[in-house]
Amino acid sequence: MFILSNERTSDNPECFGQYKAYLTQHKNIFPSKAYSLATSEWYGNFNDPRCPHDAWLENIKIEERNSGDRQENRYITITIRLLGAYHDGFIELIYPQVFNYQLNCNHGIQGHRDWRYDELRINDQGHLIHEIEWYDLNESSRWLIEASDIEYRWISKGEIT
């Protein structure tokens, strides 16, 4: 891990540089949309409304899709919808094929609270790993999603009818 809470310490000011080097080194095996998202200038810029930092969860949808004559070919998709940190739009993260997920909620009395930090990386099988930390006064939740790729969509409040 590179840029999650435990790595963002004064003892490790190089964590972002190490993460960028990791992304560059693994560019050829990263899913294309995940790589574009992780290396974009705005995704990690807390002043950009499209950045998920400090966004709030609106909903999460887990679907089991299917194909085949008997609908026997099944796979999982996940869609996360967030209210952006500046409350001027919504972020949608779509995982088109999910292999594994863990959604921990340690303290949900007031919801998940703020999306704190997240990190995109690749596992030994070549799958995308998206690790997400939710935070209030302490870590409230940690999510791990293993997927084929990730799609990002920004929906400004003006686009919603």
N, C-alpha and C. Protein backbone atom coordinates (compact mmCIF):
# COMPACT_ATOMS: atom_id res chain seq x y z
N MET A 1 0.85 -1.18 0.00
CA MET A 1 0.00 0.00 0.00
C MET A 1 0.89 1.24 0.00
N PHE A 2 0.35 2.32 -0.56
CA PHE A 2 1.16 3.50 -0.77
C PHE A 2 0.58 4.77 -0.15
N ILE A 3 -0.72 5.04 -0.40
CA ILE A 3 -1.26 6.36 -0.02
C ILE A 3 -2.49 6.26 0.87
N LEU A 4 -2.62 5.19 1.64
CA LEU A 4 -3.71 5.09 2.59
C LEU A 4 -3.26 5.70 3.91
N SER A 5 -4.13 5.73 4.90
CA SER A 5 -3.85 6.45 6.15
C SER A 5 -2.52 6.07 6.79
N ASN A 6 -2.24 4.79 6.88
CA ASN A 6 -1.01 4.36 7.55
C ASN A 6 0.25 4.82 6.82
N GLU A 7 0.15 5.06 5.53
CA GLU A 7 1.31 5.47 4.75
C GLU A 7 1.47 6.99 4.69
N ARG A 8 0.43 7.72 4.99
CA ARG A 8 0.47 9.19 4.91
C ARG A 8 0.94 9.76 6.24
N THR A 9 2.18 9.59 6.53
CA THR A 9 2.74 10.10 7.78
C THR A 9 3.88 11.04 7.46
N SER A 10 4.25 11.83 8.45
CA SER A 10 5.39 12.72 8.25
C SER A 10 6.68 11.92 8.05
N ASP A 11 6.66 10.65 8.49
CA ASP A 11 7.84 9.80 8.30
C ASP A 11 7.97 9.32 6.86
N ASN A 12 6.92 9.46 6.07
CA ASN A 12 6.94 8.96 4.70
C ASN A 12 6.40 10.00 3.73
N PRO A 13 7.12 11.13 3.57
CA PRO A 13 6.62 12.17 2.66
C PRO A 13 6.68 11.75 1.19
N GLU A 14 7.35 10.65 0.91
CA GLU A 14 7.52 10.19 -0.47
C GLU A 14 6.42 9.24 -0.93
N CYS A 15 5.36 9.05 -0.14
CA CYS A 15 4.36 8.03 -0.48
C CYS A 15 3.71 8.30 -1.84
N PHE A 16 3.45 9.56 -2.19
CA PHE A 16 2.82 9.84 -3.48
C PHE A 16 3.76 9.54 -4.64
N GLY A 17 5.03 9.89 -4.46
CA GLY A 17 6.02 9.57 -5.48
C GLY A 17 6.17 8.08 -5.68
N GLN A 18 6.15 7.34 -4.58
CA GLN A 18 6.24 5.88 -4.66
C GLN A 18 5.02 5.29 -5.37
N TYR A 19 3.84 5.86 -5.09
CA TYR A 19 2.62 5.39 -5.74
C TYR A 19 2.65 5.68 -7.24
N LYS A 20 3.08 6.88 -7.61
CA LYS A 20 3.18 7.22 -9.04
C LYS A 20 4.17 6.30 -9.75
N ALA A 21 5.27 5.99 -9.09
CA ALA A 21 6.25 5.07 -9.67
C ALA A 21 5.64 3.67 -9.84
N TYR A 22 4.87 3.23 -8.85
CA TYR A 22 4.18 1.94 -8.93
C TYR A 22 3.23 1.92 -10.13
N LEU A 23 2.45 2.98 -10.30
CA LEU A 23 1.51 3.05 -11.42
C LEU A 23 2.24 2.99 -12.75
N THR A 24 3.30 3.77 -12.88
CA THR A 24 4.08 3.78 -14.12
C THR A 24 4.68 2.40 -14.40
N GLN A 25 5.22 1.78 -13.37
CA GLN A 25 5.85 0.47 -13.52
C GLN A 25 4.84 -0.60 -13.95
N HIS A 26 3.58 -0.46 -13.55
CA HIS A 26 2.57 -1.47 -13.83
C HIS A 26 1.56 -1.03 -14.91
N LYS A 27 1.89 0.00 -15.64
CA LYS A 27 0.97 0.55 -16.64
C LYS A 27 0.48 -0.52 -17.62
N ASN A 28 1.35 -1.40 -18.06
CA ASN A 28 0.98 -2.40 -19.07
C ASN A 28 0.02 -3.46 -18.57
N ILE A 29 -0.08 -3.64 -17.25
CA ILE A 29 -1.01 -4.66 -16.73
C ILE A 29 -2.23 -4.04 -16.04
N PHE A 30 -2.22 -2.71 -15.87
CA PHE A 30 -3.36 -2.04 -15.25
C PHE A 30 -4.53 -2.01 -16.23
N PRO A 31 -5.76 -2.24 -15.77
CA PRO A 31 -6.92 -2.01 -16.63
C PRO A 31 -6.91 -0.54 -17.09
N SER A 32 -7.26 -0.30 -18.33
CA SER A 32 -7.07 1.03 -18.94
C SER A 32 -7.81 2.14 -18.21
N LYS A 33 -9.06 1.92 -17.86
CA LYS A 33 -9.83 2.98 -17.20
C LYS A 33 -9.32 3.24 -15.79
N ALA A 34 -8.92 2.19 -15.11
CA ALA A 34 -8.36 2.34 -13.76
C ALA A 34 -7.06 3.13 -13.81
N TYR A 35 -6.23 2.83 -14.80
CA TYR A 35 -4.96 3.55 -14.92
C TYR A 35 -5.20 5.02 -15.23
N SER A 36 -6.11 5.30 -16.15
CA SER A 36 -6.43 6.70 -16.47
C SER A 36 -6.93 7.45 -15.25
N LEU A 37 -7.77 6.80 -14.47
CA LEU A 37 -8.31 7.43 -13.26
C LEU A 37 -7.20 7.68 -12.24
N ALA A 38 -6.41 6.66 -11.95
CA ALA A 38 -5.37 6.77 -10.92
C ALA A 38 -4.30 7.79 -11.28
N THR A 39 -4.04 7.99 -12.56
CA THR A 39 -2.99 8.92 -12.98
C THR A 39 -3.51 10.29 -13.38
N SER A 40 -4.82 10.49 -13.32
CA SER A 40 -5.36 11.81 -13.67
C SER A 40 -4.94 12.84 -12.62
N GLU A 41 -4.80 14.08 -13.05
CA GLU A 41 -4.39 15.15 -12.13
C GLU A 41 -5.48 15.48 -11.11
N TRP A 42 -6.72 15.35 -11.49
CA TRP A 42 -7.83 15.80 -10.65
C TRP A 42 -8.28 14.78 -9.63
N TYR A 43 -8.09 13.46 -9.88
CA TYR A 43 -8.65 12.44 -9.00
C TYR A 43 -8.12 12.55 -7.57
N GLY A 44 -6.87 12.86 -7.40
CA GLY A 44 -6.29 12.99 -6.06
C GLY A 44 -6.19 14.42 -5.57
N ASN A 45 -6.76 15.36 -6.31
CA ASN A 45 -6.70 16.78 -5.94
C ASN A 45 -7.92 17.12 -5.09
N PHE A 46 -7.72 17.29 -3.80
CA PHE A 46 -8.83 17.51 -2.87
C PHE A 46 -9.61 18.80 -3.15
N ASN A 47 -9.05 19.70 -3.96
CA ASN A 47 -9.74 20.94 -4.31
C ASN A 47 -10.62 20.80 -5.55
N ASP A 48 -10.53 19.67 -6.21
CA ASP A 48 -11.34 19.43 -7.41
C ASP A 48 -12.63 18.72 -7.00
N PRO A 49 -13.79 19.24 -7.39
CA PRO A 49 -15.05 18.62 -6.97
C PRO A 49 -15.23 17.19 -7.46
N ARG A 50 -14.51 16.78 -8.49
CA ARG A 50 -14.63 15.40 -8.99
C ARG A 50 -13.86 14.40 -8.14
N CYS A 51 -12.99 14.88 -7.27
CA CYS A 51 -12.21 14.01 -6.39
C CYS A 51 -13.12 13.42 -5.32
N PRO A 52 -13.02 12.12 -5.03
CA PRO A 52 -13.93 11.52 -4.05
C PRO A 52 -13.61 11.85 -2.59
N HIS A 53 -12.45 12.43 -2.31
CA HIS A 53 -12.09 12.75 -0.92
C HIS A 53 -13.18 13.61 -0.28
N ASP A 54 -13.64 13.22 0.89
CA ASP A 54 -14.69 13.90 1.66
C ASP A 54 -16.10 13.75 1.07
N ALA A 55 -16.25 12.94 0.03
CA ALA A 55 -17.60 12.69 -0.51
C ALA A 55 -18.36 11.78 0.46
N TRP A 56 -19.68 11.78 0.32
CA TRP A 56 -20.55 10.97 1.18
C TRP A 56 -21.25 9.92 0.33
N LEU A 57 -21.41 8.75 0.92
CA LEU A 57 -22.10 7.67 0.22
C LEU A 57 -23.59 7.99 0.07
N GLU A 58 -24.08 7.91 -1.14
CA GLU A 58 -25.52 8.00 -1.40
C GLU A 58 -26.11 6.59 -1.43
N ASN A 59 -25.46 5.71 -2.22
CA ASN A 59 -25.91 4.33 -2.26
C ASN A 59 -24.85 3.44 -2.89
N ILE A 60 -25.03 2.17 -2.67
CA ILE A 60 -24.20 1.16 -3.32
C ILE A 60 -25.16 0.09 -3.84
N LYS A 61 -24.93 -0.32 -5.08
CA LYS A 61 -25.80 -1.32 -5.69
C LYS A 61 -24.93 -2.50 -6.12
N ILE A 62 -25.28 -3.67 -5.60
CA ILE A 62 -24.59 -4.90 -5.96
C ILE A 62 -25.58 -5.73 -6.78
N GLU A 63 -25.20 -6.04 -8.01
CA GLU A 63 -26.09 -6.79 -8.90
C GLU A 63 -25.42 -8.08 -9.34
N GLU A 64 -26.21 -9.11 -9.50
CA GLU A 64 -25.73 -10.35 -10.10
C GLU A 64 -26.36 -10.42 -11.48
N ARG A 65 -25.56 -10.18 -12.49
CA ARG A 65 -26.05 -10.19 -13.86
C ARG A 65 -25.87 -11.58 -14.45
N ASN A 66 -26.52 -11.83 -15.58
CA ASN A 66 -26.47 -13.18 -16.14
C ASN A 66 -26.60 -13.16 -17.64
N SER A 67 -26.25 -14.29 -18.22
CA SER A 67 -26.45 -14.54 -19.65
C SER A 67 -26.58 -16.06 -19.83
N GLY A 68 -26.86 -16.47 -21.05
CA GLY A 68 -27.02 -17.90 -21.32
C GLY A 68 -28.48 -18.29 -21.36
N ASP A 69 -28.76 -19.44 -21.98
CA ASP A 69 -30.14 -19.91 -22.13
C ASP A 69 -30.85 -20.07 -20.79
N ARG A 70 -30.12 -20.54 -19.82
CA ARG A 70 -30.72 -20.74 -18.50
C ARG A 70 -30.26 -19.66 -17.50
N GLN A 71 -29.68 -18.60 -18.04
CA GLN A 71 -29.12 -17.53 -17.21
C GLN A 71 -28.06 -18.08 -16.26
N GLU A 72 -27.33 -19.09 -16.75
CA GLU A 72 -26.37 -19.80 -15.91
C GLU A 72 -25.01 -19.11 -15.81
N ASN A 73 -24.71 -18.21 -16.73
CA ASN A 73 -23.45 -17.46 -16.68
C ASN A 73 -23.68 -16.21 -15.85
N ARG A 74 -23.11 -16.18 -14.68
CA ARG A 74 -23.42 -15.12 -13.73
C ARG A 74 -22.16 -14.36 -13.34
N TYR A 75 -22.32 -13.08 -13.10
CA TYR A 75 -21.21 -12.26 -12.63
C TYR A 75 -21.78 -11.09 -11.83
N ILE A 76 -20.92 -10.52 -11.00
CA ILE A 76 -21.33 -9.44 -10.09
C ILE A 76 -20.83 -8.10 -10.62
N THR A 77 -21.68 -7.09 -10.53
CA THR A 77 -21.27 -5.71 -10.76
C THR A 77 -21.60 -4.90 -9.51
N ILE A 78 -20.81 -3.87 -9.28
CA ILE A 78 -21.06 -2.95 -8.17
C ILE A 78 -21.05 -1.53 -8.70
N THR A 79 -22.01 -0.74 -8.26
CA THR A 79 -22.05 0.69 -8.56
C THR A 79 -22.12 1.45 -7.24
N ILE A 80 -21.20 2.38 -7.07
CA ILE A 80 -21.18 3.24 -5.89
C ILE A 80 -21.54 4.65 -6.34
N ARG A 81 -22.47 5.27 -5.63
CA ARG A 81 -22.83 6.66 -5.93
C ARG A 81 -22.54 7.50 -4.70
N LEU A 82 -21.77 8.57 -4.92
CA LEU A 82 -21.35 9.47 -3.85
C LEU A 82 -21.87 10.88 -4.11
N LEU A 83 -22.21 11.58 -3.04
CA LEU A 83 -22.45 13.01 -3.13
C LEU A 83 -21.08 13.67 -3.01
N GLY A 84 -20.69 14.44 -4.03
CA GLY A 84 -19.38 15.06 -4.04
C GLY A 84 -19.14 15.93 -2.81
N ALA A 85 -17.88 16.13 -2.48
CA ALA A 85 -17.49 16.86 -1.27
C ALA A 85 -18.06 18.28 -1.24
N TYR A 86 -18.23 18.90 -2.42
CA TYR A 86 -18.76 20.27 -2.47
C TYR A 86 -20.27 20.29 -2.69
N HIS A 87 -20.89 19.13 -2.69
CA HIS A 87 -22.35 18.96 -2.82
C HIS A 87 -22.89 19.57 -4.12
N ASP A 88 -22.04 19.61 -5.14
CA ASP A 88 -22.45 20.18 -6.42
C ASP A 88 -22.64 19.13 -7.50
N GLY A 89 -22.52 17.87 -7.12
CA GLY A 89 -22.70 16.81 -8.08
C GLY A 89 -22.47 15.44 -7.45
N PHE A 90 -22.56 14.43 -8.30
CA PHE A 90 -22.45 13.05 -7.85
C PHE A 90 -21.33 12.34 -8.60
N ILE A 91 -20.68 11.46 -7.89
CA ILE A 91 -19.64 10.60 -8.46
C ILE A 91 -20.22 9.19 -8.53
N GLU A 92 -20.11 8.57 -9.69
CA GLU A 92 -20.48 7.16 -9.81
C GLU A 92 -19.25 6.36 -10.18
N LEU A 93 -19.02 5.32 -9.42
CA LEU A 93 -17.94 4.37 -9.69
C LEU A 93 -18.59 3.03 -10.02
N ILE A 94 -18.29 2.53 -11.20
CA ILE A 94 -18.90 1.29 -11.67
C ILE A 94 -17.80 0.26 -11.86
N TYR A 95 -17.99 -0.88 -11.24
CA TYR A 95 -17.08 -2.02 -11.37
C TYR A 95 -17.80 -3.05 -12.23
N PRO A 96 -17.42 -3.18 -13.52
CA PRO A 96 -18.21 -3.99 -14.45
C PRO A 96 -18.20 -5.49 -14.18
N GLN A 97 -17.12 -6.00 -13.60
CA GLN A 97 -17.08 -7.41 -13.21
C GLN A 97 -16.29 -7.51 -11.91
N VAL A 98 -16.96 -7.96 -10.87
CA VAL A 98 -16.36 -8.03 -9.54
C VAL A 98 -16.03 -9.49 -9.22
N PHE A 99 -14.82 -9.71 -8.75
CA PHE A 99 -14.36 -11.05 -8.40
C PHE A 99 -14.47 -11.31 -6.90
N ASN A 100 -14.34 -10.26 -6.12
CA ASN A 100 -14.35 -10.39 -4.67
C ASN A 100 -14.62 -9.00 -4.09
N TYR A 101 -15.30 -8.96 -2.97
CA TYR A 101 -15.46 -7.67 -2.28
C TYR A 101 -15.62 -7.91 -0.79
N GLN A 102 -15.15 -6.94 -0.03
CA GLN A 102 -15.31 -6.92 1.42
C GLN A 102 -15.75 -5.51 1.79
N LEU A 103 -16.89 -5.40 2.43
CA LEU A 103 -17.42 -4.10 2.83
C LEU A 103 -17.54 -4.10 4.35
N ASN A 104 -16.54 -3.58 5.03
CA ASN A 104 -16.55 -3.51 6.49
C ASN A 104 -17.10 -2.17 6.94
N CYS A 105 -17.92 -2.20 7.97
CA CYS A 105 -18.41 -0.98 8.61
C CYS A 105 -18.20 -1.17 10.11
N ASN A 106 -17.23 -0.45 10.65
CA ASN A 106 -16.88 -0.61 12.06
C ASN A 106 -17.72 0.25 12.99
N HIS A 107 -18.23 1.36 12.46
CA HIS A 107 -18.97 2.30 13.30
C HIS A 107 -19.92 3.07 12.39
N GLY A 108 -21.14 2.58 12.23
CA GLY A 108 -22.06 3.17 11.26
C GLY A 108 -23.20 3.96 11.84
N ILE A 109 -23.09 4.37 13.10
CA ILE A 109 -24.20 5.07 13.76
C ILE A 109 -24.61 6.33 13.01
N GLN A 110 -23.64 7.02 12.42
CA GLN A 110 -23.94 8.23 11.65
C GLN A 110 -23.61 8.04 10.17
N GLY A 111 -23.79 6.84 9.69
CA GLY A 111 -23.46 6.55 8.30
C GLY A 111 -21.98 6.23 8.15
N HIS A 112 -21.54 6.21 6.93
CA HIS A 112 -20.13 5.90 6.65
C HIS A 112 -19.24 7.11 6.88
N ARG A 113 -19.84 8.28 6.88
CA ARG A 113 -19.14 9.56 7.02
C ARG A 113 -18.35 9.86 5.74
N ASP A 114 -17.13 10.36 5.86
CA ASP A 114 -16.38 10.85 4.69
C ASP A 114 -15.55 9.75 4.03
N TRP A 115 -15.57 9.76 2.70
CA TRP A 115 -14.61 8.96 1.93
C TRP A 115 -13.28 9.64 2.19
N ARG A 116 -12.39 8.96 2.85
CA ARG A 116 -11.13 9.59 3.22
C ARG A 116 -10.09 9.42 2.12
N TYR A 117 -9.55 8.22 2.02
CA TYR A 117 -8.51 7.95 1.04
C TYR A 117 -8.86 6.66 0.30
N ASP A 118 -8.30 6.54 -0.89
CA ASP A 118 -8.46 5.29 -1.63
C ASP A 118 -7.22 5.06 -2.46
N GLU A 119 -7.09 3.83 -2.90
CA GLU A 119 -5.91 3.45 -3.68
C GLU A 119 -6.29 2.36 -4.66
N LEU A 120 -5.80 2.49 -5.87
CA LEU A 120 -5.99 1.49 -6.92
C LEU A 120 -4.66 0.77 -7.14
N ARG A 121 -4.70 -0.55 -7.13
CA ARG A 121 -3.50 -1.33 -7.37
C ARG A 121 -3.89 -2.66 -8.03
N ILE A 122 -2.90 -3.46 -8.37
CA ILE A 122 -3.11 -4.73 -9.08
C ILE A 122 -2.66 -5.88 -8.18
N ASN A 123 -3.45 -6.97 -8.16
CA ASN A 123 -3.04 -8.14 -7.37
C ASN A 123 -2.28 -9.13 -8.25
N ASP A 124 -1.90 -10.26 -7.67
CA ASP A 124 -1.11 -11.26 -8.39
C ASP A 124 -1.85 -11.89 -9.57
N GLN A 125 -3.17 -11.86 -9.55
CA GLN A 125 -3.96 -12.40 -10.66
C GLN A 125 -4.17 -11.37 -11.77
N GLY A 126 -3.66 -10.16 -11.59
CA GLY A 126 -3.84 -9.11 -12.57
C GLY A 126 -5.17 -8.38 -12.45
N HIS A 127 -5.86 -8.59 -11.33
CA HIS A 127 -7.14 -7.91 -11.11
C HIS A 127 -6.91 -6.58 -10.39
N LEU A 128 -7.80 -5.66 -10.66
CA LEU A 128 -7.78 -4.37 -9.98
C LEU A 128 -8.21 -4.55 -8.53
N ILE A 129 -7.49 -3.93 -7.61
CA ILE A 129 -7.89 -3.85 -6.21
C ILE A 129 -8.15 -2.38 -5.92
N HIS A 130 -9.34 -2.07 -5.44
CA HIS A 130 -9.67 -0.71 -5.01
C HIS A 130 -9.93 -0.75 -3.51
N GLU A 131 -9.04 -0.13 -2.76
CA GLU A 131 -9.18 -0.08 -1.31
C GLU A 131 -9.63 1.32 -0.93
N ILE A 132 -10.69 1.38 -0.12
CA ILE A 132 -11.34 2.64 0.23
C ILE A 132 -11.43 2.74 1.74
N GLU A 133 -11.06 3.90 2.27
CA GLU A 133 -11.18 4.17 3.71
C GLU A 133 -12.25 5.24 3.93
N TRP A 134 -13.16 4.96 4.84
CA TRP A 134 -14.18 5.91 5.27
C TRP A 134 -13.78 6.39 6.66
N TYR A 135 -14.05 7.65 6.96
CA TYR A 135 -13.51 8.21 8.19
C TYR A 135 -14.46 9.22 8.81
N ASP A 136 -14.53 9.18 10.13
CA ASP A 136 -15.17 10.23 10.93
C ASP A 136 -14.08 10.74 11.86
N LEU A 137 -14.22 10.58 13.15
CA LEU A 137 -13.13 10.92 14.07
C LEU A 137 -12.06 9.84 14.04
N ASN A 138 -12.46 8.64 13.68
CA ASN A 138 -11.57 7.50 13.49
C ASN A 138 -12.03 6.79 12.23
N GLU A 139 -11.28 5.79 11.82
CA GLU A 139 -11.71 5.02 10.65
C GLU A 139 -13.05 4.38 10.97
N SER A 140 -14.04 4.60 10.11
CA SER A 140 -15.36 4.02 10.35
C SER A 140 -15.59 2.77 9.50
N SER A 141 -14.97 2.72 8.34
CA SER A 141 -15.18 1.58 7.44
C SER A 141 -13.99 1.44 6.51
N ARG A 142 -13.83 0.23 5.99
CA ARG A 142 -12.80 -0.05 4.99
C ARG A 142 -13.40 -1.02 3.98
N TRP A 143 -13.32 -0.66 2.72
CA TRP A 143 -13.85 -1.50 1.66
C TRP A 143 -12.71 -1.96 0.76
N LEU A 144 -12.81 -3.18 0.30
CA LEU A 144 -11.87 -3.74 -0.69
C LEU A 144 -12.69 -4.35 -1.81
N ILE A 145 -12.46 -3.88 -3.02
CA ILE A 145 -13.18 -4.39 -4.18
C ILE A 145 -12.15 -4.88 -5.20
N GLU A 146 -12.29 -6.14 -5.59
CA GLU A 146 -11.44 -6.75 -6.62
C GLU A 146 -12.28 -6.87 -7.88
N ALA A 147 -11.83 -6.23 -8.95
CA ALA A 147 -12.67 -6.14 -10.15
C ALA A 147 -11.82 -6.17 -11.42
N SER A 148 -12.53 -6.24 -12.55
CA SER A 148 -11.87 -6.23 -13.86
C SER A 148 -11.37 -4.83 -14.21
N ASP A 149 -12.11 -3.80 -13.81
CA ASP A 149 -11.76 -2.41 -14.11
C ASP A 149 -12.70 -1.53 -13.30
N ILE A 150 -12.59 -0.23 -13.49
CA ILE A 150 -13.47 0.72 -12.83
C ILE A 150 -13.83 1.80 -13.84
N GLU A 151 -15.08 2.20 -13.83
CA GLU A 151 -15.54 3.31 -14.67
C GLU A 151 -15.95 4.45 -13.75
N TYR A 152 -15.58 5.66 -14.12
CA TYR A 152 -15.87 6.84 -13.32
C TYR A 152 -16.84 7.72 -14.11
N ARG A 153 -17.82 8.25 -13.40
CA ARG A 153 -18.75 9.19 -14.03
C ARG A 153 -19.05 10.32 -13.06
N TRP A 154 -18.95 11.56 -13.53
CA TRP A 154 -19.30 12.74 -12.76
C TRP A 154 -20.65 13.25 -13.29
N ILE A 155 -21.58 13.48 -12.39
CA ILE A 155 -22.90 13.99 -12.76
C ILE A 155 -23.12 15.27 -11.98
N SER A 156 -23.09 16.41 -12.67
CA SER A 156 -23.32 17.67 -11.96
C SER A 156 -24.79 17.77 -11.58
N LYS A 157 -25.06 18.50 -10.51
CA LYS A 157 -26.45 18.61 -10.06
C LYS A 157 -27.33 19.24 -11.13
N GLY A 158 -26.75 20.06 -11.99
CA GLY A 158 -27.50 20.67 -13.07
C GLY A 158 -27.96 19.68 -14.12
N GLU A 159 -27.31 18.53 -14.23
CA GLU A 159 -27.68 17.50 -15.21
C GLU A 159 -28.84 16.65 -14.74
N ILE A 160 -29.16 16.70 -13.45
CA ILE A 160 -30.21 15.86 -12.89
C ILE A 160 -31.55 16.57 -13.05
N THR A 161 -32.50 15.84 -13.61
CA THR A 161 -33.83 16.46 -13.79
C THR A 161 -34.83 15.89 -12.83
